[in-house]
Amino acid sequence: MKIPLLKKGTRATVEVIPQLGMDGAVLALVLVKQRYHVNGRQQAHETPGAEVHLTDVPWDAEHPARSSVRFPADVCLDKPGTDVIVSGYAMAPGGATQTELMVSAQVGELSRTVRVVGPRVWVRSMGETRLSEPAPFQSVPEQWELAWG
């Protein structure tokens, strides 16, 4: 397949990827990807260098079979909408230590908020098993292995 030339009118990453459609026909997938950085004032700024991932990227590259996905593949057979991926670390404001904090992301009218707590472990005391109190943290990765509920 000869990949068509595109006029790129954006600073976002743009790639044309040949792919087989669901009906088996060859098609050209145009993928546009923008990366943002959120500063200490909670302002998002475009950041160059968004990478297109043809396969899932795990949090732990040395043990991918035991790791959750940090960046899902950008290419799939059918994607009826837009993906917004939040990947990074929950960081306490000003570098202070906290045992929990709320992390939010908003794009247009859509917003999501999660509660992030410090590391916890199962403890056994007087015949009962329970979760410990959250340990203080400055930064915690936002990954499935640390999620609860």
C-alpha atoms as a PDB file:
ATOM      1  CA  MET A   1       0.000   0.000   0.000  1.00  0.00           C
ATOM      2  CA  LYS A   2       1.302   3.422  -0.905  1.00  0.00           C
ATOM      3  CA  ILE A   3       0.820   5.685   2.107  1.00  0.00           C
ATOM      4  CA  PRO A   4      -0.646   9.073   1.125  1.00  0.00           C
ATOM      5  CA  LEU A   5       1.180  12.292   1.985  1.00  0.00           C
ATOM      6  CA  LEU A   6      -0.534  14.459   4.568  1.00  0.00           C
ATOM      7  CA  LYS A   7      -0.433  18.191   5.132  1.00  0.00           C
ATOM      8  CA  LYS A   8       0.161  18.428   8.842  1.00  0.00           C
ATOM      9  CA  GLY A   9      -1.404  21.594  10.256  1.00  0.00           C
ATOM     10  CA  THR A  10      -0.763  20.715  13.907  1.00  0.00           C
ATOM     11  CA  ARG A  11       2.157  20.379  16.299  1.00  0.00           C
ATOM     12  CA  ALA A  12       0.702  17.080  17.494  1.00  0.00           C
ATOM     13  CA  THR A  13       2.236  13.769  16.447  1.00  0.00           C
ATOM     14  CA  VAL A  14       0.611  12.530  13.236  1.00  0.00           C
ATOM     15  CA  GLU A  15       1.233   9.083  11.760  1.00  0.00           C
ATOM     16  CA  VAL A  16      -0.327   7.153   8.909  1.00  0.00           C
ATOM     17  CA  ILE A  17      -0.460   3.447   9.667  1.00  0.00           C
ATOM     18  CA  PRO A  18      -1.472   0.802   7.116  1.00  0.00           C
ATOM     19  CA  GLN A  19      -3.994  -1.615   8.605  1.00  0.00           C
ATOM     20  CA  LEU A  20      -6.538  -4.250   7.663  1.00  0.00           C
ATOM     21  CA  GLY A  21     -10.119  -3.183   8.225  1.00  0.00           C
ATOM     22  CA  MET A  22     -12.756  -5.391   9.833  1.00  0.00           C
ATOM     23  CA  ASP A  23     -13.873  -6.450   6.347  1.00  0.00           C
ATOM     24  CA  GLY A  24     -10.299  -7.417   5.378  1.00  0.00           C
ATOM     25  CA  ALA A  25      -9.740  -4.385   3.138  1.00  0.00           C
ATOM     26  CA  VAL A  26      -6.453  -2.483   3.350  1.00  0.00           C
ATOM     27  CA  LEU A  27      -6.857   0.994   4.779  1.00  0.00           C
ATOM     28  CA  ALA A  28      -4.726   3.882   5.997  1.00  0.00           C
ATOM     29  CA  LEU A  29      -5.273   4.826   9.615  1.00  0.00           C
ATOM     30  CA  VAL A  30      -4.489   8.468  10.384  1.00  0.00           C
ATOM     31  CA  LEU A  31      -3.534   8.792  14.025  1.00  0.00           C
ATOM     32  CA  VAL A  32      -3.218  12.213  15.720  1.00  0.00           C
ATOM     33  CA  LYS A  33      -1.819  12.253  19.239  1.00  0.00           C
ATOM     34  CA  GLN A  34      -1.128  15.160  21.596  1.00  0.00           C
ATOM     35  CA  ARG A  35       0.611  15.023  24.945  1.00  0.00           C
ATOM     36  CA  TYR A  36       0.105  17.495  27.814  1.00  0.00           C
ATOM     37  CA  HIS A  37       1.960  18.350  30.993  1.00  0.00           C
ATOM     38  CA  VAL A  38       0.120  19.695  34.040  1.00  0.00           C
ATOM     39  CA  ASN A  39       2.164  22.222  36.004  1.00  0.00           C
ATOM     40  CA  GLY A  40       2.016  23.096  39.696  1.00  0.00           C
ATOM     41  CA  ARG A  41      -0.776  25.601  39.041  1.00  0.00           C
ATOM     42  CA  GLN A  42      -2.923  22.815  37.556  1.00  0.00           C
ATOM     43  CA  GLN A  43      -2.607  24.264  34.044  1.00  0.00           C
ATOM     44  CA  ALA A  44      -2.219  21.903  31.077  1.00  0.00           C
ATOM     45  CA  HIS A  45       0.334  22.757  28.394  1.00  0.00           C
ATOM     46  CA  GLU A  46       0.976  20.997  25.097  1.00  0.00           C
ATOM     47  CA  THR A  47       4.186  18.979  25.238  1.00  0.00           C
ATOM     48  CA  PRO A  48       5.899  17.769  22.070  1.00  0.00           C
ATOM     49  CA  GLY A  49       6.956  14.190  21.474  1.00  0.00           C
ATOM     50  CA  ALA A  50       3.788  12.132  21.929  1.00  0.00           C
ATOM     51  CA  GLU A  51       4.700   8.562  20.991  1.00  0.00           C
ATOM     52  CA  VAL A  52       2.401   6.331  18.950  1.00  0.00           C
ATOM     53  CA  HIS A  53       2.292   2.868  20.514  1.00  0.00           C
ATOM     54  CA  LEU A  54       1.569  -0.058  18.205  1.00  0.00           C
ATOM     55  CA  THR A  55       1.437  -2.415  21.219  1.00  0.00           C
ATOM     56  CA  ASP A  56       0.567  -1.983  24.892  1.00  0.00           C
ATOM     57  CA  VAL A  57       3.368  -0.516  27.039  1.00  0.00           C
ATOM     58  CA  PRO A  58       3.547  -1.996  30.574  1.00  0.00           C
ATOM     59  CA  TRP A  59       4.496  -0.090  33.715  1.00  0.00           C
ATOM     60  CA  ASP A  60       7.186  -2.703  34.416  1.00  0.00           C
ATOM     61  CA  ALA A  61       9.045  -3.417  31.164  1.00  0.00           C
ATOM     62  CA  GLU A  62      11.215  -6.064  32.854  1.00  0.00           C
ATOM     63  CA  HIS A  63       8.159  -8.099  33.951  1.00  0.00           C
ATOM     64  CA  PRO A  64       5.389  -7.273  31.439  1.00  0.00           C
ATOM     65  CA  ALA A  65       3.362 -10.408  32.230  1.00  0.00           C
ATOM     66  CA  ARG A  66       2.970  -9.231  35.853  1.00  0.00           C
ATOM     67  CA  SER A  67       2.460  -5.546  35.067  1.00  0.00           C
ATOM     68  CA  SER A  68      -0.594  -3.502  34.203  1.00  0.00           C
ATOM     69  CA  VAL A  69      -0.659  -1.400  31.056  1.00  0.00           C
ATOM     70  CA  ARG A  70       0.737   2.119  31.341  1.00  0.00           C
ATOM     71  CA  PHE A  71      -0.020   3.119  27.743  1.00  0.00           C
ATOM     72  CA  PRO A  72      -2.509   1.056  25.698  1.00  0.00           C
ATOM     73  CA  ALA A  73      -1.865   0.461  22.008  1.00  0.00           C
ATOM     74  CA  ASP A  74      -3.096   3.335  19.863  1.00  0.00           C
ATOM     75  CA  VAL A  75      -4.141   1.038  17.041  1.00  0.00           C
ATOM     76  CA  CYS A  76      -7.184  -1.236  17.128  1.00  0.00           C
ATOM     77  CA  LEU A  77      -9.871  -2.538  14.758  1.00  0.00           C
ATOM     78  CA  ASP A  78     -12.611  -0.161  15.838  1.00  0.00           C
ATOM     79  CA  LYS A  79     -12.368   3.028  17.877  1.00  0.00           C
ATOM     80  CA  PRO A  80     -15.644   4.958  17.720  1.00  0.00           C
ATOM     81  CA  GLY A  81     -14.452   7.849  19.877  1.00  0.00           C
ATOM     82  CA  THR A  82     -11.479   9.627  21.384  1.00  0.00           C
ATOM     83  CA  ASP A  83      -9.261   8.218  24.133  1.00  0.00           C
ATOM     84  CA  VAL A  84      -8.044  10.357  27.008  1.00  0.00           C
ATOM     85  CA  ILE A  85      -5.276   8.559  28.885  1.00  0.00           C
ATOM     86  CA  VAL A  86      -4.089   9.829  32.265  1.00  0.00           C
ATOM     87  CA  SER A  87      -0.766   8.239  33.084  1.00  0.00           C
ATOM     88  CA  GLY A  88       1.622   9.460  35.705  1.00  0.00           C
ATOM     89  CA  TYR A  89       1.949   9.989  39.404  1.00  0.00           C
ATOM     90  CA  ALA A  90      -0.307  11.455  42.065  1.00  0.00           C
ATOM     91  CA  MET A  91       1.838  14.088  43.725  1.00  0.00           C
ATOM     92  CA  ALA A  92       1.174  15.912  46.958  1.00  0.00           C
ATOM     93  CA  PRO A  93       1.062  19.703  46.481  1.00  0.00           C
ATOM     94  CA  GLY A  94       4.330  21.438  47.240  1.00  0.00           C
ATOM     95  CA  GLY A  95       6.141  18.138  47.803  1.00  0.00           C
ATOM     96  CA  ALA A  96       4.503  17.719  51.228  1.00  0.00           C
ATOM     97  CA  THR A  97       3.736  14.219  52.465  1.00  0.00           C
ATOM     98  CA  GLN A  98       0.105  13.120  52.659  1.00  0.00           C
ATOM     99  CA  THR A  99      -1.723   9.880  53.359  1.00  0.00           C
ATOM    100  CA  GLU A 100      -4.391  10.551  50.718  1.00  0.00           C
ATOM    101  CA  LEU A 101      -5.441  13.077  48.100  1.00  0.00           C
ATOM    102  CA  MET A 102      -7.940  13.506  45.273  1.00  0.00           C
ATOM    103  CA  VAL A 103      -6.765  13.461  41.645  1.00  0.00           C
ATOM    104  CA  SER A 104      -8.997  14.828  38.876  1.00  0.00           C
ATOM    105  CA  ALA A 105      -8.859  15.036  35.101  1.00  0.00           C
ATOM    106  CA  GLN A 106     -11.267  17.033  32.958  1.00  0.00           C
ATOM    107  CA  VAL A 107     -11.583  17.326  29.182  1.00  0.00           C
ATOM    108  CA  GLY A 108     -14.464  19.518  28.088  1.00  0.00           C
ATOM    109  CA  GLU A 109     -17.577  18.506  30.019  1.00  0.00           C
ATOM    110  CA  LEU A 110     -16.200  15.061  30.965  1.00  0.00           C
ATOM    111  CA  SER A 111     -14.413  14.792  34.305  1.00  0.00           C
ATOM    112  CA  ARG A 112     -13.241  11.971  36.560  1.00  0.00           C
ATOM    113  CA  THR A 113     -11.891  12.062  40.112  1.00  0.00           C
ATOM    114  CA  VAL A 114     -10.135   9.297  42.031  1.00  0.00           C
ATOM    115  CA  ARG A 115      -9.010   9.132  45.633  1.00  0.00           C
ATOM    116  CA  VAL A 116      -5.352   8.150  45.966  1.00  0.00           C
ATOM    117  CA  VAL A 117      -4.143   6.733  49.260  1.00  0.00           C
ATOM    118  CA  GLY A 118      -0.637   5.906  50.406  1.00  0.00           C
ATOM    119  CA  PRO A 119       0.689   2.349  50.413  1.00  0.00           C
ATOM    120  CA  ARG A 120      -1.231  -0.073  52.633  1.00  0.00           C
ATOM    121  CA  VAL A 121      -0.535  -3.636  53.688  1.00  0.00           C
ATOM    122  CA  TRP A 122      -2.627  -6.426  55.158  1.00  0.00           C
ATOM    123  CA  VAL A 123      -1.910  -6.884  58.893  1.00  0.00           C
ATOM    124  CA  ARG A 124      -3.012  -9.614  61.234  1.00  0.00           C
ATOM    125  CA  SER A 125      -3.791  -8.596  64.795  1.00  0.00           C
ATOM    126  CA  MET A 126      -5.681 -10.450  67.522  1.00  0.00           C
ATOM    127  CA  GLY A 127      -7.013 -13.018  65.037  1.00  0.00           C
ATOM    128  CA  GLU A 128      -8.286 -10.441  62.530  1.00  0.00           C
ATOM    129  CA  THR A 129      -6.863  -9.457  59.183  1.00  0.00           C
ATOM    130  CA  ARG A 130      -7.285  -5.833  58.163  1.00  0.00           C
ATOM    131  CA  LEU A 131      -5.686  -3.139  56.049  1.00  0.00           C
ATOM    132  CA  SER A 132      -3.144  -0.885  57.679  1.00  0.00           C
ATOM    133  CA  GLU A 133      -3.547   2.854  57.733  1.00  0.00           C
ATOM    134  CA  PRO A 134      -2.154   4.508  54.569  1.00  0.00           C
ATOM    135  CA  ALA A 135       1.541   5.374  54.745  1.00  0.00           C
ATOM    136  CA  PRO A 136       2.490   8.987  53.985  1.00  0.00           C
ATOM    137  CA  PHE A 137       3.717   9.655  50.439  1.00  0.00           C
ATOM    138  CA  GLN A 138       4.925  12.470  48.212  1.00  0.00           C
ATOM    139  CA  SER A 139       4.344  10.611  44.950  1.00  0.00           C
ATOM    140  CA  VAL A 140       2.439   7.424  44.032  1.00  0.00           C
ATOM    141  CA  PRO A 141       2.195   5.929  40.516  1.00  0.00           C
ATOM    142  CA  GLU A 142      -1.350   5.754  39.144  1.00  0.00           C
ATOM    143  CA  GLN A 143      -1.474   2.069  38.226  1.00  0.00           C
ATOM    144  CA  TRP A 144      -3.928  -0.823  38.553  1.00  0.00           C
ATOM    145  CA  GLU A 145      -1.719  -2.870  40.890  1.00  0.00           C
ATOM    146  CA  LEU A 146      -2.201  -0.187  43.545  1.00  0.00           C
ATOM    147  CA  ALA A 147      -5.954   0.279  42.983  1.00  0.00           C
ATOM    148  CA  TRP A 148      -8.626  -0.933  45.364  1.00  0.00           C
ATOM    149  CA  GLY A 149     -12.378  -1.175  44.970  1.00  0.00           C
END
